[in-house]
PDB file of N, CA and C in Angstrom:
ATOM      1  N   MET A   1       0.734  -1.024   0.295  1.00  0.00           N
ATOM      2  CA  MET A   1       0.379   0.209   0.020  1.00  0.00           C
ATOM      3  C   MET A   1       0.948   1.432  -0.184  1.00  0.00           C
ATOM      4  N   TYR A   2       0.435   2.341  -0.819  1.00  0.00           N
ATOM      5  CA  TYR A   2       0.978   3.388  -0.857  1.00  0.00           C
ATOM      6  C   TYR A   2       0.538   4.508   0.455  1.00  0.00           C
ATOM      7  N   GLU A   3       1.481   5.121   0.720  1.00  0.00           N
ATOM      8  CA  GLU A   3       0.893   6.416   1.668  1.00  0.00           C
ATOM      9  C   GLU A   3       0.419   5.872   3.009  1.00  0.00           C
ATOM     10  N   GLU A   4       0.633   5.161   3.255  1.00  0.00           N
ATOM     11  CA  GLU A   4       0.094   4.826   4.907  1.00  0.00           C
ATOM     12  C   GLU A   4       0.813   5.641   5.616  1.00  0.00           C
ATOM     13  N   LEU A   5       0.348   5.530   6.871  1.00  0.00           N
ATOM     14  CA  LEU A   5       0.947   6.604   7.956  1.00  0.00           C
ATOM     15  C   LEU A   5       1.791   5.542   8.725  1.00  0.00           C
ATOM     16  N   VAL A   6       3.088   5.757   9.390  1.00  0.00           N
ATOM     17  CA  VAL A   6       3.476   5.136  10.179  1.00  0.00           C
ATOM     18  C   VAL A   6       4.075   5.903  11.199  1.00  0.00           C
ATOM     19  N   ALA A   7       3.730   5.663  12.226  1.00  0.00           N
ATOM     20  CA  ALA A   7       4.760   6.048  13.507  1.00  0.00           C
ATOM     21  C   ALA A   7       5.871   5.471  13.705  1.00  0.00           C
ATOM     22  N   THR A   8       6.771   7.146  13.731  1.00  0.00           N
ATOM     23  CA  THR A   8       8.091   6.569  14.014  1.00  0.00           C
ATOM     24  C   THR A   8       8.727   7.527  14.859  1.00  0.00           C
ATOM     25  N   ASN A   9       8.267   8.903  15.397  1.00  0.00           N
ATOM     26  CA  ASN A   9       9.510   9.845  16.572  1.00  0.00           C
ATOM     27  C   ASN A   9      10.313   9.865  15.920  1.00  0.00           C
ATOM     28  N   THR A  10      10.853   9.697  14.620  1.00  0.00           N
ATOM     29  CA  THR A  10      12.057   9.540  14.438  1.00  0.00           C
ATOM     30  C   THR A  10      12.226  10.956  12.863  1.00  0.00           C
ATOM     31  N   ALA A  11      13.385  12.085  13.190  1.00  0.00           N
ATOM     32  CA  ALA A  11      13.761  12.687  12.134  1.00  0.00           C
ATOM     33  C   ALA A  11      14.280  12.664  10.946  1.00  0.00           C
ATOM     34  N   PRO A  12      14.212  12.940   9.584  1.00  0.00           N
ATOM     35  CA  PRO A  12      15.460  12.858   8.543  1.00  0.00           C
ATOM     36  C   PRO A  12      16.750  12.673   9.116  1.00  0.00           C
ATOM     37  N   GLY A  13      17.024  11.827   9.066  1.00  0.00           N
ATOM     38  CA  GLY A  13      18.754  11.131   9.115  1.00  0.00           C
ATOM     39  C   GLY A  13      18.637  10.929   9.973  1.00  0.00           C
ATOM     40  N   GLY A  14      17.671  10.216  11.127  1.00  0.00           N
ATOM     41  CA  GLY A  14      17.295   8.683  11.695  1.00  0.00           C
ATOM     42  C   GLY A  14      17.155   9.477  12.732  1.00  0.00           C
ATOM     43  N   VAL A  15      17.495  10.444  13.801  1.00  0.00           N
ATOM     44  CA  VAL A  15      17.316  10.613  14.603  1.00  0.00           C
ATOM     45  C   VAL A  15      16.269  10.845  15.230  1.00  0.00           C
ATOM     46  N   ARG A  16      16.487  11.147  16.661  1.00  0.00           N
ATOM     47  CA  ARG A  16      15.091  10.966  17.882  1.00  0.00           C
ATOM     48  C   ARG A  16      14.373  12.433  17.211  1.00  0.00           C
ATOM     49  N   PHE A  17      13.334  12.520  16.961  1.00  0.00           N
ATOM     50  CA  PHE A  17      12.280  13.734  16.892  1.00  0.00           C
ATOM     51  C   PHE A  17      12.068  14.393  18.037  1.00  0.00           C
ATOM     52  N   SER A  18      11.666  13.667  18.862  1.00  0.00           N
ATOM     53  CA  SER A  18      10.852  14.677  20.167  1.00  0.00           C
ATOM     54  C   SER A  18      10.699  13.579  21.186  1.00  0.00           C
ATOM     55  N   PRO A  19      11.099  14.383  22.521  1.00  0.00           N
ATOM     56  CA  PRO A  19      10.981  13.605  23.543  1.00  0.00           C
ATOM     57  C   PRO A  19       9.886  12.824  24.495  1.00  0.00           C
ATOM     58  N   ASP A  20       8.413  13.697  23.501  1.00  0.00           N
ATOM     59  CA  ASP A  20       7.367  13.418  23.580  1.00  0.00           C
ATOM     60  C   ASP A  20       6.467  12.785  23.038  1.00  0.00           C
ATOM     61  N   GLN A  21       6.813  13.342  21.149  1.00  0.00           N
ATOM     62  CA  GLN A  21       5.874  12.795  20.755  1.00  0.00           C
ATOM     63  C   GLN A  21       5.801  11.205  20.035  1.00  0.00           C
ATOM     64  N   HIS A  22       5.457  10.352  20.890  1.00  0.00           N
ATOM     65  CA  HIS A  22       5.447   9.312  20.508  1.00  0.00           C
ATOM     66  C   HIS A  22       4.475   8.296  21.214  1.00  0.00           C
ATOM     67  N   CYS A  23       3.226   9.219  21.990  1.00  0.00           N
ATOM     68  CA  CYS A  23       2.205   8.411  22.226  1.00  0.00           C
ATOM     69  C   CYS A  23       1.924   7.590  23.598  1.00  0.00           C
ATOM     70  N   GLN A  24       3.063   8.254  24.386  1.00  0.00           N
ATOM     71  CA  GLN A  24       3.136   8.177  25.901  1.00  0.00           C
ATOM     72  C   GLN A  24       3.948   6.614  25.528  1.00  0.00           C
ATOM     73  N   ALA A  25       5.125   6.449  25.148  1.00  0.00           N
ATOM     74  CA  ALA A  25       5.830   5.528  25.212  1.00  0.00           C
ATOM     75  C   ALA A  25       5.162   4.316  24.240  1.00  0.00           C
ATOM     76  N   TRP A  26       4.420   4.596  23.089  1.00  0.00           N
ATOM     77  CA  TRP A  26       3.610   3.999  21.987  1.00  0.00           C
ATOM     78  C   TRP A  26       2.534   3.233  23.164  1.00  0.00           C
ATOM     79  N   THR A  27       2.408   3.794  24.163  1.00  0.00           N
ATOM     80  CA  THR A  27       1.205   2.856  25.077  1.00  0.00           C
ATOM     81  C   THR A  27       0.172   3.718  24.900  1.00  0.00           C
ATOM     82  N   SER A  28      -0.418   5.067  24.551  1.00  0.00           N
ATOM     83  CA  SER A  28      -1.445   5.247  24.702  1.00  0.00           C
ATOM     84  C   SER A  28      -2.336   5.842  23.116  1.00  0.00           C
ATOM     85  N   ALA A  29      -3.398   5.524  22.996  1.00  0.00           N
ATOM     86  CA  ALA A  29      -3.901   5.996  21.924  1.00  0.00           C
ATOM     87  C   ALA A  29      -5.334   7.141  22.445  1.00  0.00           C
ATOM     88  N   SER A  30      -4.781   8.100  22.845  1.00  0.00           N
ATOM     89  CA  SER A  30      -5.438   9.244  23.315  1.00  0.00           C
ATOM     90  C   SER A  30      -5.341  10.271  21.974  1.00  0.00           C
ATOM     91  N   ALA A  31      -6.231  10.752  22.069  1.00  0.00           N
ATOM     92  CA  ALA A  31      -5.934  12.294  21.742  1.00  0.00           C
ATOM     93  C   ALA A  31      -5.085  13.854  22.277  1.00  0.00           C
ATOM     94  N   ALA A  32      -5.056  12.739  23.294  1.00  0.00           N
ATOM     95  CA  ALA A  32      -4.432  13.894  24.006  1.00  0.00           C
ATOM     96  C   ALA A  32      -2.592  14.043  24.027  1.00  0.00           C
ATOM     97  N   TYR A  33      -2.338  13.247  23.575  1.00  0.00           N
ATOM     98  CA  TYR A  33      -0.860  12.465  23.344  1.00  0.00           C
ATOM     99  C   TYR A  33      -0.883  13.115  21.657  1.00  0.00           C
ATOM    100  N   GLU A  34       0.385  13.128  21.011  1.00  0.00           N
ATOM    101  CA  GLU A  34       0.842  13.457  19.768  1.00  0.00           C
ATOM    102  C   GLU A  34       2.100  11.792  19.080  1.00  0.00           C
ATOM    103  N   ALA A  35       1.878  12.028  18.374  1.00  0.00           N
ATOM    104  CA  ALA A  35       3.039  11.081  17.399  1.00  0.00           C
ATOM    105  C   ALA A  35       3.333  11.859  16.056  1.00  0.00           C
ATOM    106  N   ARG A  36       4.838  11.551  15.906  1.00  0.00           N
ATOM    107  CA  ARG A  36       5.844  11.803  14.639  1.00  0.00           C
ATOM    108  C   ARG A  36       4.999  10.683  13.441  1.00  0.00           C
ATOM    109  N   VAL A  37       4.607  11.333  12.705  1.00  0.00           N
ATOM    110  CA  VAL A  37       4.455  10.046  11.577  1.00  0.00           C
ATOM    111  C   VAL A  37       5.143  10.257  10.592  1.00  0.00           C
ATOM    112  N   GLY A  38       5.213   9.186   9.293  1.00  0.00           N
ATOM    113  CA  GLY A  38       6.227   9.319   8.146  1.00  0.00           C
ATOM    114  C   GLY A  38       5.138   8.651   7.304  1.00  0.00           C
ATOM    115  N   LEU A  39       5.233   8.849   5.814  1.00  0.00           N
ATOM    116  CA  LEU A  39       4.636   7.828   4.692  1.00  0.00           C
ATOM    117  C   LEU A  39       5.371   6.656   4.439  1.00  0.00           C
ATOM    118  N   ASN A  40       4.881   5.539   4.330  1.00  0.00           N
ATOM    119  CA  ASN A  40       5.866   4.522   4.231  1.00  0.00           C
ATOM    120  C   ASN A  40       5.799   4.309   2.645  1.00  0.00           C
ATOM    121  N   ALA A  41       5.377   4.643   1.915  1.00  0.00           N
ATOM    122  CA  ALA A  41       6.069   4.234   0.185  1.00  0.00           C
ATOM    123  C   ALA A  41       4.941   5.857  -0.230  1.00  0.00           C
ATOM    124  N   MET A  42       5.853   5.909  -1.820  1.00  0.00           N
ATOM    125  CA  MET A  42       5.351   7.154  -2.591  1.00  0.00           C
ATOM    126  C   MET A  42       5.604   6.199  -3.937  1.00  0.00           C
ATOM    127  N   PRO A  43       4.290   6.599  -4.861  1.00  0.00           N
ATOM    128  CA  PRO A  43       4.816   6.223  -5.929  1.00  0.00           C
ATOM    129  C   PRO A  43       5.939   7.067  -7.085  1.00  0.00           C
ATOM    130  N   ALA A  44       6.449   6.508  -7.490  1.00  0.00           N
ATOM    131  CA  ALA A  44       7.681   7.352  -8.169  1.00  0.00           C
ATOM    132  C   ALA A  44       7.231   8.067  -9.496  1.00  0.00           C
ATOM    133  N   ALA A  45       5.787   8.045  -9.898  1.00  0.00           N
ATOM    134  CA  ALA A  45       4.976   8.857 -10.594  1.00  0.00           C
ATOM    135  C   ALA A  45       4.364   9.829  -9.508  1.00  0.00           C
ATOM    136  N   ALA A  46       4.288  10.109  -8.775  1.00  0.00           N
ATOM    137  CA  ALA A  46       3.720  10.884  -7.995  1.00  0.00           C
ATOM    138  C   ALA A  46       4.667  12.398  -7.802  1.00  0.00           C
ATOM    139  N   PRO A  47       3.718  13.710  -8.062  1.00  0.00           N
ATOM    140  CA  PRO A  47       4.466  14.695  -8.044  1.00  0.00           C
ATOM    141  C   PRO A  47       4.987  15.112  -6.688  1.00  0.00           C
ATOM    142  N   GLU A  48       4.655  14.197  -5.300  1.00  0.00           N
ATOM    143  CA  GLU A  48       5.479  14.924  -4.267  1.00  0.00           C
ATOM    144  C   GLU A  48       6.970  13.330  -4.136  1.00  0.00           C
ATOM    145  N   TRP A  49       6.976  12.568  -5.290  1.00  0.00           N
ATOM    146  CA  TRP A  49       7.994  11.738  -4.902  1.00  0.00           C
ATOM    147  C   TRP A  49       9.444  12.353  -4.678  1.00  0.00           C
ATOM    148  N   PRO A  50       9.456  13.176  -5.268  1.00  0.00           N
ATOM    149  CA  PRO A  50      10.932  13.897  -5.328  1.00  0.00           C
ATOM    150  C   PRO A  50      10.944  14.320  -3.547  1.00  0.00           C
ATOM    151  N   ALA A  51      10.162  15.170  -3.030  1.00  0.00           N
ATOM    152  CA  ALA A  51      10.211  15.352  -1.694  1.00  0.00           C
ATOM    153  C   ALA A  51      10.140  14.406  -1.369  1.00  0.00           C
ATOM    154  N   TRP A  52       9.253  13.305  -0.979  1.00  0.00           N
ATOM    155  CA  TRP A  52       9.347  12.574  -0.212  1.00  0.00           C
ATOM    156  C   TRP A  52      10.681  11.252   0.187  1.00  0.00           C
ATOM    157  N   LYS A  53      11.068  11.766  -1.071  1.00  0.00           N
ATOM    158  CA  LYS A  53      12.797  11.451  -1.590  1.00  0.00           C
ATOM    159  C   LYS A  53      13.961  12.013  -0.833  1.00  0.00           C
ATOM    160  N   SER A  54      13.538  13.172  -1.312  1.00  0.00           N
ATOM    161  CA  SER A  54      14.651  13.959  -0.753  1.00  0.00           C
ATOM    162  C   SER A  54      14.605  14.668   0.885  1.00  0.00           C
ATOM    163  N   GLN A  55      13.379  14.880   1.355  1.00  0.00           N
ATOM    164  CA  GLN A  55      12.807  15.088   2.580  1.00  0.00           C
ATOM    165  C   GLN A  55      12.816  13.832   3.861  1.00  0.00           C
ATOM    166  N   GLN A  56      12.896  13.128   3.432  1.00  0.00           N
ATOM    167  CA  GLN A  56      12.946  11.688   4.402  1.00  0.00           C
ATOM    168  C   GLN A  56      11.236  11.109   4.897  1.00  0.00           C
ATOM    169  N   TRP A  57      10.238  11.614   4.338  1.00  0.00           N
ATOM    170  CA  TRP A  57       9.095  11.695   4.385  1.00  0.00           C
ATOM    171  C   TRP A  57       8.897  10.274   5.246  1.00  0.00           C
ATOM    172  N   TRP A  58       9.541   9.187   4.973  1.00  0.00           N
ATOM    173  CA  TRP A  58       8.986   7.902   5.094  1.00  0.00           C
ATOM    174  C   TRP A  58       9.626   7.541   6.953  1.00  0.00           C
ATOM    175  N   LEU A  59      10.353   8.652   7.164  1.00  0.00           N
ATOM    176  CA  LEU A  59      10.703   9.193   8.272  1.00  0.00           C
ATOM    177  C   LEU A  59       9.591   9.648   9.754  1.00  0.00           C
ATOM    178  N   GLY A  60       9.807  11.211   8.544  1.00  0.00           N
ATOM    179  CA  GLY A  60       8.625  12.184   9.496  1.00  0.00           C
ATOM    180  C   GLY A  60       7.643  12.884   7.868  1.00  0.00           C
ATOM    181  N   VAL A  61       6.723  13.288   8.354  1.00  0.00           N
ATOM    182  CA  VAL A  61       5.945  14.157   7.543  1.00  0.00           C
ATOM    183  C   VAL A  61       5.161  15.132   8.810  1.00  0.00           C
ATOM    184  N   ALA A  62       4.660  14.607   9.520  1.00  0.00           N
ATOM    185  CA  ALA A  62       3.853  15.338  10.432  1.00  0.00           C
ATOM    186  C   ALA A  62       3.792  14.837  11.683  1.00  0.00           C
ATOM    187  N   THR A  63       3.068  15.464  12.213  1.00  0.00           N
ATOM    188  CA  THR A  63       2.857  15.008  13.564  1.00  0.00           C
ATOM    189  C   THR A  63       0.939  14.654  13.819  1.00  0.00           C
ATOM    190  N   LEU A  64       0.430  13.988  14.790  1.00  0.00           N
ATOM    191  CA  LEU A  64      -1.018  13.688  14.512  1.00  0.00           C
ATOM    192  C   LEU A  64      -1.579  12.659  16.128  1.00  0.00           C
ATOM    193  N   GLY A  65      -2.479  13.061  16.487  1.00  0.00           N
ATOM    194  CA  GLY A  65      -2.806  12.559  18.046  1.00  0.00           C
ATOM    195  C   GLY A  65      -2.826  10.721  17.454  1.00  0.00           C
ATOM    196  N   CYS A  66      -3.127  10.674  18.847  1.00  0.00           N
ATOM    197  CA  CYS A  66      -2.512   9.379  19.137  1.00  0.00           C
ATOM    198  C   CYS A  66      -3.415   8.228  18.461  1.00  0.00           C
ATOM    199  N   ASN A  67      -3.867   8.449  17.214  1.00  0.00           N
ATOM    200  CA  ASN A  67      -5.075   7.247  16.925  1.00  0.00           C
ATOM    201  C   ASN A  67      -4.578   6.614  16.135  1.00  0.00           C
ATOM    202  N   LYS A  68      -4.699   4.936  17.402  1.00  0.00           N
ATOM    203  CA  LYS A  68      -3.675   3.982  16.606  1.00  0.00           C
ATOM    204  C   LYS A  68      -4.260   3.268  15.111  1.00  0.00           C
ATOM    205  N   GLU A  69      -5.719   3.264  15.137  1.00  0.00           N
ATOM    206  CA  GLU A  69      -6.597   3.000  13.791  1.00  0.00           C
ATOM    207  C   GLU A  69      -5.804   3.579  12.620  1.00  0.00           C
ATOM    208  N   TYR A  70      -5.131   5.014  12.633  1.00  0.00           N
ATOM    209  CA  TYR A  70      -4.725   5.906  11.418  1.00  0.00           C
ATOM    210  C   TYR A  70      -2.948   5.333  10.964  1.00  0.00           C
ATOM    211  N   PHE A  71      -2.244   5.043  11.781  1.00  0.00           N
ATOM    212  CA  PHE A  71      -1.254   4.562  11.716  1.00  0.00           C
ATOM    213  C   PHE A  71      -0.436   3.488  12.641  1.00  0.00           C
ATOM    214  N   HIS A  72       0.615   3.208  11.334  1.00  0.00           N
ATOM    215  CA  HIS A  72       1.484   1.903  11.736  1.00  0.00           C
ATOM    216  C   HIS A  72       2.837   2.170  12.520  1.00  0.00           C
ATOM    217  N   LEU A  73       3.556   1.311  13.332  1.00  0.00           N
ATOM    218  CA  LEU A  73       4.485   1.860  14.339  1.00  0.00           C
ATOM    219  C   LEU A  73       5.607   1.254  13.090  1.00  0.00           C
ATOM    220  N   TYR A  74       6.970   1.736  12.862  1.00  0.00           N
ATOM    221  CA  TYR A  74       7.702   1.638  12.662  1.00  0.00           C
ATOM    222  C   TYR A  74       8.992   1.488  14.159  1.00  0.00           C
ATOM    223  N   CYS A  75       9.803   0.218  14.272  1.00  0.00           N
ATOM    224  CA  CYS A  75      10.634   0.563  15.361  1.00  0.00           C
ATOM    225  C   CYS A  75      12.087   0.928  14.554  1.00  0.00           C
ATOM    226  N   LEU A  76      12.635   1.575  14.676  1.00  0.00           N
ATOM    227  CA  LEU A  76      13.992   1.612  14.033  1.00  0.00           C
ATOM    228  C   LEU A  76      15.075   1.240  15.300  1.00  0.00           C
ATOM    229  N   GLU A  77      16.170   0.969  14.636  1.00  0.00           N
ATOM    230  CA  GLU A  77      17.431   0.380  15.593  1.00  0.00           C
ATOM    231  C   GLU A  77      18.439   1.745  15.304  1.00  0.00           C
ATOM    232  N   ILE A  78      19.509   2.465  15.781  1.00  0.00           N
ATOM    233  CA  ILE A  78      19.647   3.930  15.413  1.00  0.00           C
ATOM    234  C   ILE A  78      21.157   3.411  16.233  1.00  0.00           C
TER     235      ILE A  78
END
């Protein structure tokens, strides 16, 4: 699937984005908390593909409330 939201709390370059944008240590679905999310994939023909690639959108493109129905979780070892 293309353009699925993935929770990472990771900034471009693979560093931690924020000490608190990880849905209370990935244990909460409360809208009171936030998570940094990325897009898992982008079709190469999409107009956004160059930005997805150069800005590493698969790691982090937005911050959303912690609704677990809307995104998956990536665990990255750095």
